[in-house]
Amino acid sequence: MAVLNAERIKITSTRSPWWCTVIIVVLGLGLAAVIGLSAKASINSFNDQLADGKEPDFEPFLPQMADAVGGVSGFGVLVLMILATLAVTSEYRFGVIRTTFQAIPNRASVLVAKAGLIGAFGAVLTFVLTFGAYAIAKATAGHEAGAALTLSGGDAWRSIYGVPIYAFLCVVLAVGIGALLRQSAGAIALLLLWPLLIESLFNLFGSFGEKVMPFLPFLNANHFLGAPQGVDFHWGPWGSLVYFAVFVLVIFGASLVVVNKRDA
């Protein structure tokens, strides 16, 4: 409990968690509104062409639940990872980590406390925001364009409760990466480029990329959230969650070993 209280005080006594929370809320709910308005504009344009007796030259955009909560599961979780990484790397940068480890010789418990606190906060925040994003997207899309935005069926509900699970695992991963690299710029760059760029580059490698992509961690996470992105996975959504969780635990476990072996 002493470790948890110490980490809670350190995290809540700085401005960055509050600013990150505001950014997550704005991105999560704002992008949901954009998705809804885009869908409404798309279906209106489609209907206008039909009314004019023309054959529409496009398919209207009818968002699914995964699209509605994409701002939370995508950019919102990325901001959470930045926050979790800075909770570790900032202590290394300013030398606070030495004092922390002197006060708490069990170094592993420090990382576990950081990951647990920020992860729990991120899970609760994203869980609430997914419902808000769903409501905003459905309201702005209207009845016709938002017909698929309904909380019925396992896939739709998985898009809701899957986001906080994903957020928690991403926080644990970010704490592990921060402890391994110990530099804010390097850790943040890796965590941003990995899901946004690096994994998508395998599309350029033809058959080799097609064989590798089902084993990439963030693509598996997206598969669990309902956005398989055209990848032919060897297992279902829950198998992808297990795969991603194992990957996260391996990275976090490696960070615990490294932190205990090298100097602060």
C-alpha atoms as a PDB file:
ATOM      1  CA  MET A   1       0.000   0.000   0.000  1.00  0.00           C
ATOM      2  CA  ALA A   2       2.881   2.356   0.725  1.00  0.00           C
ATOM      3  CA  VAL A   3       4.171   1.894  -2.820  1.00  0.00           C
ATOM      4  CA  LEU A   4       0.716   2.558  -4.291  1.00  0.00           C
ATOM      5  CA  ASN A   5       0.252   5.691  -2.185  1.00  0.00           C
ATOM      6  CA  ALA A   6       3.686   7.002  -3.119  1.00  0.00           C
ATOM      7  CA  GLU A   7       3.081   6.454  -6.823  1.00  0.00           C
ATOM      8  CA  ARG A   8      -0.418   7.930  -6.599  1.00  0.00           C
ATOM      9  CA  ILE A   9       0.956  11.112  -5.047  1.00  0.00           C
ATOM     10  CA  LYS A  10       3.695  11.413  -7.667  1.00  0.00           C
ATOM     11  CA  ILE A  11       1.281  10.887 -10.548  1.00  0.00           C
ATOM     12  CA  THR A  12      -1.491  13.190  -9.307  1.00  0.00           C
ATOM     13  CA  SER A  13       0.826  15.986  -8.165  1.00  0.00           C
ATOM     14  CA  THR A  14       1.841  16.891 -11.725  1.00  0.00           C
ATOM     15  CA  ARG A  15      -0.193  18.545 -14.461  1.00  0.00           C
ATOM     16  CA  SER A  16       0.523  16.051 -17.239  1.00  0.00           C
ATOM     17  CA  PRO A  17      -2.090  13.443 -16.156  1.00  0.00           C
ATOM     18  CA  TRP A  18      -4.816  16.087 -16.129  1.00  0.00           C
ATOM     19  CA  TRP A  19      -3.826  17.495 -19.505  1.00  0.00           C
ATOM     20  CA  CYS A  20      -3.621  13.996 -20.954  1.00  0.00           C
ATOM     21  CA  THR A  21      -7.081  13.221 -19.584  1.00  0.00           C
ATOM     22  CA  VAL A  22      -8.518  16.323 -21.257  1.00  0.00           C
ATOM     23  CA  ILE A  23      -6.857  15.379 -24.550  1.00  0.00           C
ATOM     24  CA  ILE A  24      -8.207  11.815 -24.360  1.00  0.00           C
ATOM     25  CA  VAL A  25     -11.742  13.084 -23.709  1.00  0.00           C
ATOM     26  CA  VAL A  26     -11.581  15.620 -26.539  1.00  0.00           C
ATOM     27  CA  LEU A  27     -10.129  13.125 -29.029  1.00  0.00           C
ATOM     28  CA  GLY A  28     -12.427  10.286 -28.057  1.00  0.00           C
ATOM     29  CA  LEU A  29     -15.666  12.248 -28.144  1.00  0.00           C
ATOM     30  CA  GLY A  30     -14.634  14.680 -30.879  1.00  0.00           C
ATOM     31  CA  LEU A  31     -13.707  11.961 -33.362  1.00  0.00           C
ATOM     32  CA  ALA A  32     -16.964  10.158 -32.569  1.00  0.00           C
ATOM     33  CA  ALA A  33     -18.828  13.306 -33.605  1.00  0.00           C
ATOM     34  CA  VAL A  34     -16.756  13.530 -36.795  1.00  0.00           C
ATOM     35  CA  ILE A  35     -17.555   9.884 -37.608  1.00  0.00           C
ATOM     36  CA  GLY A  36     -21.255  10.487 -37.093  1.00  0.00           C
ATOM     37  CA  LEU A  37     -21.360  13.668 -39.149  1.00  0.00           C
ATOM     38  CA  SER A  38     -19.338  12.050 -41.939  1.00  0.00           C
ATOM     39  CA  ALA A  39     -21.757   9.130 -42.055  1.00  0.00           C
ATOM     40  CA  LYS A  40     -24.753  11.470 -42.180  1.00  0.00           C
ATOM     41  CA  ALA A  41     -23.206  13.510 -45.000  1.00  0.00           C
ATOM     42  CA  SER A  42     -22.390  10.322 -46.890  1.00  0.00           C
ATOM     43  CA  ILE A  43     -25.891   8.860 -46.673  1.00  0.00           C
ATOM     44  CA  ASN A  44     -27.456  12.218 -47.576  1.00  0.00           C
ATOM     45  CA  SER A  45     -25.298  12.493 -50.687  1.00  0.00           C
ATOM     46  CA  PHE A  46     -26.161   8.907 -51.599  1.00  0.00           C
ATOM     47  CA  ASN A  47     -29.888   9.543 -51.222  1.00  0.00           C
ATOM     48  CA  ASP A  48     -29.662  12.803 -53.196  1.00  0.00           C
ATOM     49  CA  GLN A  49     -28.164  10.957 -56.164  1.00  0.00           C
ATOM     50  CA  LEU A  50     -30.920   8.362 -55.976  1.00  0.00           C
ATOM     51  CA  ALA A  51     -33.552  11.100 -55.817  1.00  0.00           C
ATOM     52  CA  ASP A  52     -32.085  12.697 -58.953  1.00  0.00           C
ATOM     53  CA  GLY A  53     -32.428   9.387 -60.791  1.00  0.00           C
ATOM     54  CA  LYS A  54     -28.698   8.814 -60.896  1.00  0.00           C
ATOM     55  CA  GLU A  55     -26.810   5.667 -60.030  1.00  0.00           C
ATOM     56  CA  PRO A  56     -24.651   6.485 -56.988  1.00  0.00           C
ATOM     57  CA  ASP A  57     -20.956   6.106 -57.757  1.00  0.00           C
ATOM     58  CA  PHE A  58     -20.055   5.197 -54.167  1.00  0.00           C
ATOM     59  CA  GLU A  59     -21.222   3.168 -51.216  1.00  0.00           C
ATOM     60  CA  PRO A  60     -22.408   5.227 -48.234  1.00  0.00           C
ATOM     61  CA  PHE A  61     -20.315   5.150 -45.091  1.00  0.00           C
ATOM     62  CA  LEU A  62     -22.270   3.286 -42.401  1.00  0.00           C
ATOM     63  CA  PRO A  63     -20.101   3.212 -39.275  1.00  0.00           C
ATOM     64  CA  GLN A  64     -19.848   0.182 -37.025  1.00  0.00           C
ATOM     65  CA  MET A  65     -19.285   0.238 -33.266  1.00  0.00           C
ATOM     66  CA  ALA A  66     -15.527  -0.130 -33.766  1.00  0.00           C
ATOM     67  CA  ASP A  67     -15.595   3.052 -35.870  1.00  0.00           C
ATOM     68  CA  ALA A  68     -17.589   4.994 -33.280  1.00  0.00           C
ATOM     69  CA  VAL A  69     -15.142   4.232 -30.462  1.00  0.00           C
ATOM     70  CA  GLY A  70     -12.076   4.499 -32.698  1.00  0.00           C
ATOM     71  CA  GLY A  71     -11.091   7.853 -31.255  1.00  0.00           C
ATOM     72  CA  VAL A  72     -10.922   6.293 -27.793  1.00  0.00           C
ATOM     73  CA  SER A  73      -9.249   3.025 -28.753  1.00  0.00           C
ATOM     74  CA  GLY A  74      -6.918   4.713 -31.219  1.00  0.00           C
ATOM     75  CA  PHE A  75      -5.676   8.176 -30.345  1.00  0.00           C
ATOM     76  CA  GLY A  76      -6.970   8.099 -26.768  1.00  0.00           C
ATOM     77  CA  VAL A  77      -5.011   4.979 -25.897  1.00  0.00           C
ATOM     78  CA  LEU A  78      -1.921   6.412 -27.593  1.00  0.00           C
ATOM     79  CA  VAL A  79      -2.096   9.399 -25.250  1.00  0.00           C
ATOM     80  CA  LEU A  80      -2.469   7.013 -22.304  1.00  0.00           C
ATOM     81  CA  MET A  81       0.688   5.210 -23.402  1.00  0.00           C
ATOM     82  CA  ILE A  82       2.560   8.499 -23.553  1.00  0.00           C
ATOM     83  CA  LEU A  83       1.407   9.302 -20.020  1.00  0.00           C
ATOM     84  CA  ALA A  84       2.479   5.881 -18.749  1.00  0.00           C
ATOM     85  CA  THR A  85       5.868   6.147 -20.424  1.00  0.00           C
ATOM     86  CA  LEU A  86       6.535   9.604 -19.020  1.00  0.00           C
ATOM     87  CA  ALA A  87       5.697   8.339 -15.527  1.00  0.00           C
ATOM     88  CA  VAL A  88       8.841   6.199 -15.821  1.00  0.00           C
ATOM     89  CA  THR A  89      11.190   8.098 -18.106  1.00  0.00           C
ATOM     90  CA  SER A  90      10.689  11.442 -16.341  1.00  0.00           C
ATOM     91  CA  GLU A  91      11.963   9.913 -13.116  1.00  0.00           C
ATOM     92  CA  TYR A  92      15.077   8.682 -14.902  1.00  0.00           C
ATOM     93  CA  ARG A  93      15.558  12.074 -16.547  1.00  0.00           C
ATOM     94  CA  PHE A  94      15.459  14.035 -13.292  1.00  0.00           C
ATOM     95  CA  GLY A  95      17.143  11.396 -11.145  1.00  0.00           C
ATOM     96  CA  VAL A  96      14.074  10.862  -8.972  1.00  0.00           C
ATOM     97  CA  ILE A  97      14.181   7.146  -9.685  1.00  0.00           C
ATOM     98  CA  ARG A  98      17.296   6.754  -7.524  1.00  0.00           C
ATOM     99  CA  THR A  99      15.460   8.183  -4.516  1.00  0.00           C
ATOM    100  CA  THR A 100      12.478   5.983  -5.286  1.00  0.00           C
ATOM    101  CA  PHE A 101      14.577   2.825  -5.385  1.00  0.00           C
ATOM    102  CA  GLN A 102      16.395   3.794  -2.192  1.00  0.00           C
ATOM    103  CA  ALA A 103      13.079   4.209  -0.398  1.00  0.00           C
ATOM    104  CA  ILE A 104      11.599   1.083  -1.998  1.00  0.00           C
ATOM    105  CA  PRO A 105      14.314  -1.557  -2.564  1.00  0.00           C
ATOM    106  CA  ASN A 106      11.831  -3.838  -4.331  1.00  0.00           C
ATOM    107  CA  ARG A 107      12.161  -2.213  -7.730  1.00  0.00           C
ATOM    108  CA  ALA A 108       9.661  -4.489  -9.409  1.00  0.00           C
ATOM    109  CA  SER A 109       6.914  -3.293  -7.082  1.00  0.00           C
ATOM    110  CA  VAL A 110       7.496   0.293  -8.250  1.00  0.00           C
ATOM    111  CA  LEU A 111       6.867  -0.589 -11.898  1.00  0.00           C
ATOM    112  CA  VAL A 112       3.910  -2.790 -10.996  1.00  0.00           C
ATOM    113  CA  ALA A 113       2.394   0.056  -8.968  1.00  0.00           C
ATOM    114  CA  LYS A 114       2.848   2.537 -11.812  1.00  0.00           C
ATOM    115  CA  ALA A 115       1.333   0.166 -14.355  1.00  0.00           C
ATOM    116  CA  GLY A 116      -1.514  -0.779 -12.034  1.00  0.00           C
ATOM    117  CA  LEU A 117      -2.500   2.758 -11.096  1.00  0.00           C
ATOM    118  CA  ILE A 118      -2.315   4.288 -14.551  1.00  0.00           C
ATOM    119  CA  GLY A 119      -3.771   1.162 -16.117  1.00  0.00           C
ATOM    120  CA  ALA A 120      -6.775   1.141 -13.783  1.00  0.00           C
ATOM    121  CA  PHE A 121      -7.339   4.851 -14.365  1.00  0.00           C
ATOM    122  CA  GLY A 122      -7.081   4.387 -18.122  1.00  0.00           C
ATOM    123  CA  ALA A 123      -9.448   1.416 -18.106  1.00  0.00           C
ATOM    124  CA  VAL A 124     -12.133   3.294 -16.171  1.00  0.00           C
ATOM    125  CA  LEU A 125     -11.736   6.437 -18.281  1.00  0.00           C
ATOM    126  CA  THR A 126     -11.904   4.625 -21.624  1.00  0.00           C
ATOM    127  CA  PHE A 127     -14.842   2.490 -20.480  1.00  0.00           C
ATOM    128  CA  VAL A 128     -16.869   5.619 -19.737  1.00  0.00           C
ATOM    129  CA  LEU A 129     -15.735   7.322 -22.935  1.00  0.00           C
ATOM    130  CA  THR A 130     -16.726   4.381 -25.147  1.00  0.00           C
ATOM    131  CA  PHE A 131     -20.347   4.819 -24.093  1.00  0.00           C
ATOM    132  CA  GLY A 132     -20.066   8.566 -24.647  1.00  0.00           C
ATOM    133  CA  ALA A 133     -18.502   8.065 -28.080  1.00  0.00           C
ATOM    134  CA  TYR A 134     -21.237   5.592 -29.030  1.00  0.00           C
ATOM    135  CA  ALA A 135     -23.987   7.997 -27.960  1.00  0.00           C
ATOM    136  CA  ILE A 136     -22.433  10.970 -29.779  1.00  0.00           C
ATOM    137  CA  ALA A 137     -21.752   9.035 -32.979  1.00  0.00           C
ATOM    138  CA  LYS A 138     -25.292   7.652 -33.076  1.00  0.00           C
ATOM    139  CA  ALA A 139     -26.845  11.047 -32.359  1.00  0.00           C
ATOM    140  CA  THR A 140     -24.832  12.878 -35.013  1.00  0.00           C
ATOM    141  CA  ALA A 141     -25.193  10.131 -37.636  1.00  0.00           C
ATOM    142  CA  GLY A 142     -28.980  10.046 -37.455  1.00  0.00           C
ATOM    143  CA  HIS A 143     -31.327   7.086 -37.703  1.00  0.00           C
ATOM    144  CA  GLU A 144     -30.421   5.880 -41.193  1.00  0.00           C
ATOM    145  CA  ALA A 145     -26.634   6.337 -41.178  1.00  0.00           C
ATOM    146  CA  GLY A 146     -26.376   5.113 -37.591  1.00  0.00           C
ATOM    147  CA  ALA A 147     -28.434   1.971 -38.098  1.00  0.00           C
ATOM    148  CA  ALA A 148     -25.432  -0.280 -37.361  1.00  0.00           C
ATOM    149  CA  LEU A 149     -24.601   1.600 -34.168  1.00  0.00           C
ATOM    150  CA  THR A 150     -26.480  -0.570 -31.735  1.00  0.00           C
ATOM    151  CA  LEU A 151     -25.567  -2.326 -28.518  1.00  0.00           C
ATOM    152  CA  SER A 152     -26.776  -5.725 -29.637  1.00  0.00           C
ATOM    153  CA  GLY A 153     -24.669  -8.764 -30.372  1.00  0.00           C
ATOM    154  CA  GLY A 154     -21.342  -9.952 -29.050  1.00  0.00           C
ATOM    155  CA  ASP A 155     -19.236  -8.005 -31.558  1.00  0.00           C
ATOM    156  CA  ALA A 156     -20.821  -4.669 -30.643  1.00  0.00           C
ATOM    157  CA  TRP A 157     -20.403  -5.224 -26.911  1.00  0.00           C
ATOM    158  CA  ARG A 158     -16.814  -6.394 -27.402  1.00  0.00           C
ATOM    159  CA  SER A 159     -16.098  -3.034 -29.016  1.00  0.00           C
ATOM    160  CA  ILE A 160     -17.254  -1.448 -25.741  1.00  0.00           C
ATOM    161  CA  TYR A 161     -15.696  -3.583 -23.021  1.00  0.00           C
ATOM    162  CA  GLY A 162     -12.695  -4.468 -25.165  1.00  0.00           C
ATOM    163  CA  VAL A 163     -11.362  -0.915 -25.164  1.00  0.00           C
ATOM    164  CA  PRO A 164     -10.635  -0.710 -21.390  1.00  0.00           C
ATOM    165  CA  ILE A 165      -8.955  -4.137 -21.538  1.00  0.00           C
ATOM    166  CA  TYR A 166      -6.827  -2.944 -24.439  1.00  0.00           C
ATOM    167  CA  ALA A 167      -6.089   0.357 -22.672  1.00  0.00           C
ATOM    168  CA  PHE A 168      -4.898  -1.427 -19.519  1.00  0.00           C
ATOM    169  CA  LEU A 169      -2.584  -3.721 -21.485  1.00  0.00           C
ATOM    170  CA  CYS A 170      -1.190  -0.795 -23.484  1.00  0.00           C
ATOM    171  CA  VAL A 171      -0.362   1.057 -20.258  1.00  0.00           C
ATOM    172  CA  VAL A 172       1.512  -1.982 -18.941  1.00  0.00           C
ATOM    173  CA  LEU A 173       3.383  -2.190 -22.243  1.00  0.00           C
ATOM    174  CA  ALA A 174       4.241   1.518 -22.134  1.00  0.00           C
ATOM    175  CA  VAL A 175       5.604   1.286 -18.581  1.00  0.00           C
ATOM    176  CA  GLY A 176       7.743  -1.655 -19.657  1.00  0.00           C
ATOM    177  CA  ILE A 177       9.059   0.150 -22.733  1.00  0.00           C
ATOM    178  CA  GLY A 178       9.791   3.250 -20.658  1.00  0.00           C
ATOM    179  CA  ALA A 179      11.770   1.208 -18.127  1.00  0.00           C
ATOM    180  CA  LEU A 180      13.735  -0.553 -20.859  1.00  0.00           C
ATOM    181  CA  LEU A 181      14.668   2.551 -22.873  1.00  0.00           C
ATOM    182  CA  ARG A 182      14.683   5.137 -20.022  1.00  0.00           C
ATOM    183  CA  GLN A 183      14.518   8.002 -22.555  1.00  0.00           C
ATOM    184  CA  SER A 184      11.246   9.827 -23.168  1.00  0.00           C
ATOM    185  CA  ALA A 185      11.813  10.653 -26.835  1.00  0.00           C
ATOM    186  CA  GLY A 186      12.885   7.154 -27.819  1.00  0.00           C
ATOM    187  CA  ALA A 187      10.157   5.398 -25.857  1.00  0.00           C
ATOM    188  CA  ILE A 188       7.364   7.685 -27.098  1.00  0.00           C
ATOM    189  CA  ALA A 189       8.589   7.482 -30.706  1.00  0.00           C
ATOM    190  CA  LEU A 190       8.610   3.682 -30.565  1.00  0.00           C
ATOM    191  CA  LEU A 191       5.146   3.469 -28.994  1.00  0.00           C
ATOM    192  CA  LEU A 192       3.661   5.855 -31.567  1.00  0.00           C
ATOM    193  CA  LEU A 193       5.380   4.512 -34.671  1.00  0.00           C
ATOM    194  CA  TRP A 194       4.846   0.863 -33.811  1.00  0.00           C
ATOM    195  CA  PRO A 195       1.039   0.733 -34.193  1.00  0.00           C
ATOM    196  CA  LEU A 196       0.703   3.681 -36.592  1.00  0.00           C
ATOM    197  CA  LEU A 197       3.472   2.942 -39.085  1.00  0.00           C
ATOM    198  CA  ILE A 198       5.750  -0.024 -38.487  1.00  0.00           C
ATOM    199  CA  GLU A 199       3.108  -2.762 -38.539  1.00  0.00           C
ATOM    200  CA  SER A 200       1.340  -1.294 -41.586  1.00  0.00           C
ATOM    201  CA  LEU A 201       4.622  -1.350 -43.539  1.00  0.00           C
ATOM    202  CA  PHE A 202       4.387  -5.130 -43.770  1.00  0.00           C
ATOM    203  CA  ASN A 203       1.685  -4.587 -46.409  1.00  0.00           C
ATOM    204  CA  LEU A 204       4.531  -3.655 -48.742  1.00  0.00           C
ATOM    205  CA  PHE A 205       6.263  -7.037 -48.481  1.00  0.00           C
ATOM    206  CA  GLY A 206       3.812  -9.132 -50.479  1.00  0.00           C
ATOM    207  CA  SER A 207       3.363 -12.755 -49.453  1.00  0.00           C
ATOM    208  CA  PHE A 208       5.998 -12.453 -46.737  1.00  0.00           C
ATOM    209  CA  GLY A 209       4.088  -9.591 -45.147  1.00  0.00           C
ATOM    210  CA  GLU A 210       0.820 -11.538 -45.346  1.00  0.00           C
ATOM    211  CA  LYS A 211       2.427 -14.377 -43.398  1.00  0.00           C
ATOM    212  CA  VAL A 212       3.902 -12.081 -40.747  1.00  0.00           C
ATOM    213  CA  MET A 213       0.963  -9.724 -40.163  1.00  0.00           C
ATOM    214  CA  PRO A 214      -1.232 -12.233 -38.245  1.00  0.00           C
ATOM    215  CA  PHE A 215       1.528 -12.319 -35.608  1.00  0.00           C
ATOM    216  CA  LEU A 216       1.953  -8.578 -35.123  1.00  0.00           C
ATOM    217  CA  PRO A 217       0.796  -7.487 -31.651  1.00  0.00           C
ATOM    218  CA  PHE A 218      -1.223  -4.356 -32.379  1.00  0.00           C
ATOM    219  CA  LEU A 219      -2.952  -5.911 -35.368  1.00  0.00           C
ATOM    220  CA  ASN A 220      -4.055  -8.693 -33.043  1.00  0.00           C
ATOM    221  CA  ALA A 221      -5.332  -6.093 -30.580  1.00  0.00           C
ATOM    222  CA  ASN A 222      -7.327  -4.434 -33.360  1.00  0.00           C
ATOM    223  CA  HIS A 223      -8.704  -7.834 -34.340  1.00  0.00           C
ATOM    224  CA  PHE A 224     -10.008  -8.256 -30.793  1.00  0.00           C
ATOM    225  CA  LEU A 225     -11.582  -4.782 -30.936  1.00  0.00           C
ATOM    226  CA  GLY A 226     -13.438  -5.632 -34.140  1.00  0.00           C
ATOM    227  CA  ALA A 227     -11.140  -4.121 -36.763  1.00  0.00           C
ATOM    228  CA  PRO A 228      -9.204  -7.006 -38.393  1.00  0.00           C
ATOM    229  CA  GLN A 229      -8.049  -4.715 -41.245  1.00  0.00           C
ATOM    230  CA  GLY A 230      -8.219  -7.489 -43.831  1.00  0.00           C
ATOM    231  CA  VAL A 231      -5.657  -9.729 -42.125  1.00  0.00           C
ATOM    232  CA  ASP A 232      -6.256 -13.487 -42.196  1.00  0.00           C
ATOM    233  CA  PHE A 233      -5.672 -14.422 -38.563  1.00  0.00           C
ATOM    234  CA  HIS A 234      -5.071 -17.981 -37.378  1.00  0.00           C
ATOM    235  CA  TRP A 235      -7.391 -17.538 -34.393  1.00  0.00           C
ATOM    236  CA  GLY A 236     -10.489 -15.645 -33.329  1.00  0.00           C
ATOM    237  CA  PRO A 237     -10.778 -12.302 -31.526  1.00  0.00           C
ATOM    238  CA  TRP A 238     -10.223 -13.793 -28.072  1.00  0.00           C
ATOM    239  CA  GLY A 239      -7.157 -15.647 -29.321  1.00  0.00           C
ATOM    240  CA  SER A 240      -5.824 -12.308 -30.542  1.00  0.00           C
ATOM    241  CA  LEU A 241      -6.386 -10.810 -27.091  1.00  0.00           C
ATOM    242  CA  VAL A 242      -4.441 -13.649 -25.466  1.00  0.00           C
ATOM    243  CA  TYR A 243      -1.642 -13.211 -28.011  1.00  0.00           C
ATOM    244  CA  PHE A 244      -1.419  -9.475 -27.341  1.00  0.00           C
ATOM    245  CA  ALA A 245      -1.554 -10.000 -23.554  1.00  0.00           C
ATOM    246  CA  VAL A 246       1.288 -12.529 -23.698  1.00  0.00           C
ATOM    247  CA  PHE A 247       3.348 -10.116 -25.778  1.00  0.00           C
ATOM    248  CA  VAL A 248       2.743  -7.335 -23.244  1.00  0.00           C
ATOM    249  CA  LEU A 249       3.655  -9.577 -20.312  1.00  0.00           C
ATOM    250  CA  VAL A 250       6.892 -10.631 -22.015  1.00  0.00           C
ATOM    251  CA  ILE A 251       7.946  -7.011 -22.524  1.00  0.00           C
ATOM    252  CA  PHE A 252       6.915  -6.028 -19.010  1.00  0.00           C
ATOM    253  CA  GLY A 253       8.648  -9.070 -17.536  1.00  0.00           C
ATOM    254  CA  ALA A 254      11.832  -8.160 -19.399  1.00  0.00           C
ATOM    255  CA  SER A 255      11.638  -4.634 -17.973  1.00  0.00           C
ATOM    256  CA  LEU A 256      11.379  -6.020 -14.422  1.00  0.00           C
ATOM    257  CA  VAL A 257      14.470  -8.159 -14.968  1.00  0.00           C
ATOM    258  CA  VAL A 258      16.454  -5.280 -16.482  1.00  0.00           C
ATOM    259  CA  VAL A 259      15.442  -2.778 -13.784  1.00  0.00           C
ATOM    260  CA  ASN A 260      16.613  -5.155 -11.054  1.00  0.00           C
ATOM    261  CA  LYS A 261      19.946  -5.838 -12.765  1.00  0.00           C
ATOM    262  CA  ARG A 262      21.192  -2.438 -13.915  1.00  0.00           C
ATOM    263  CA  ASP A 263      21.941   0.768 -12.058  1.00  0.00           C
ATOM    264  CA  ALA A 264      19.314   3.460 -11.797  1.00  0.00           C
END
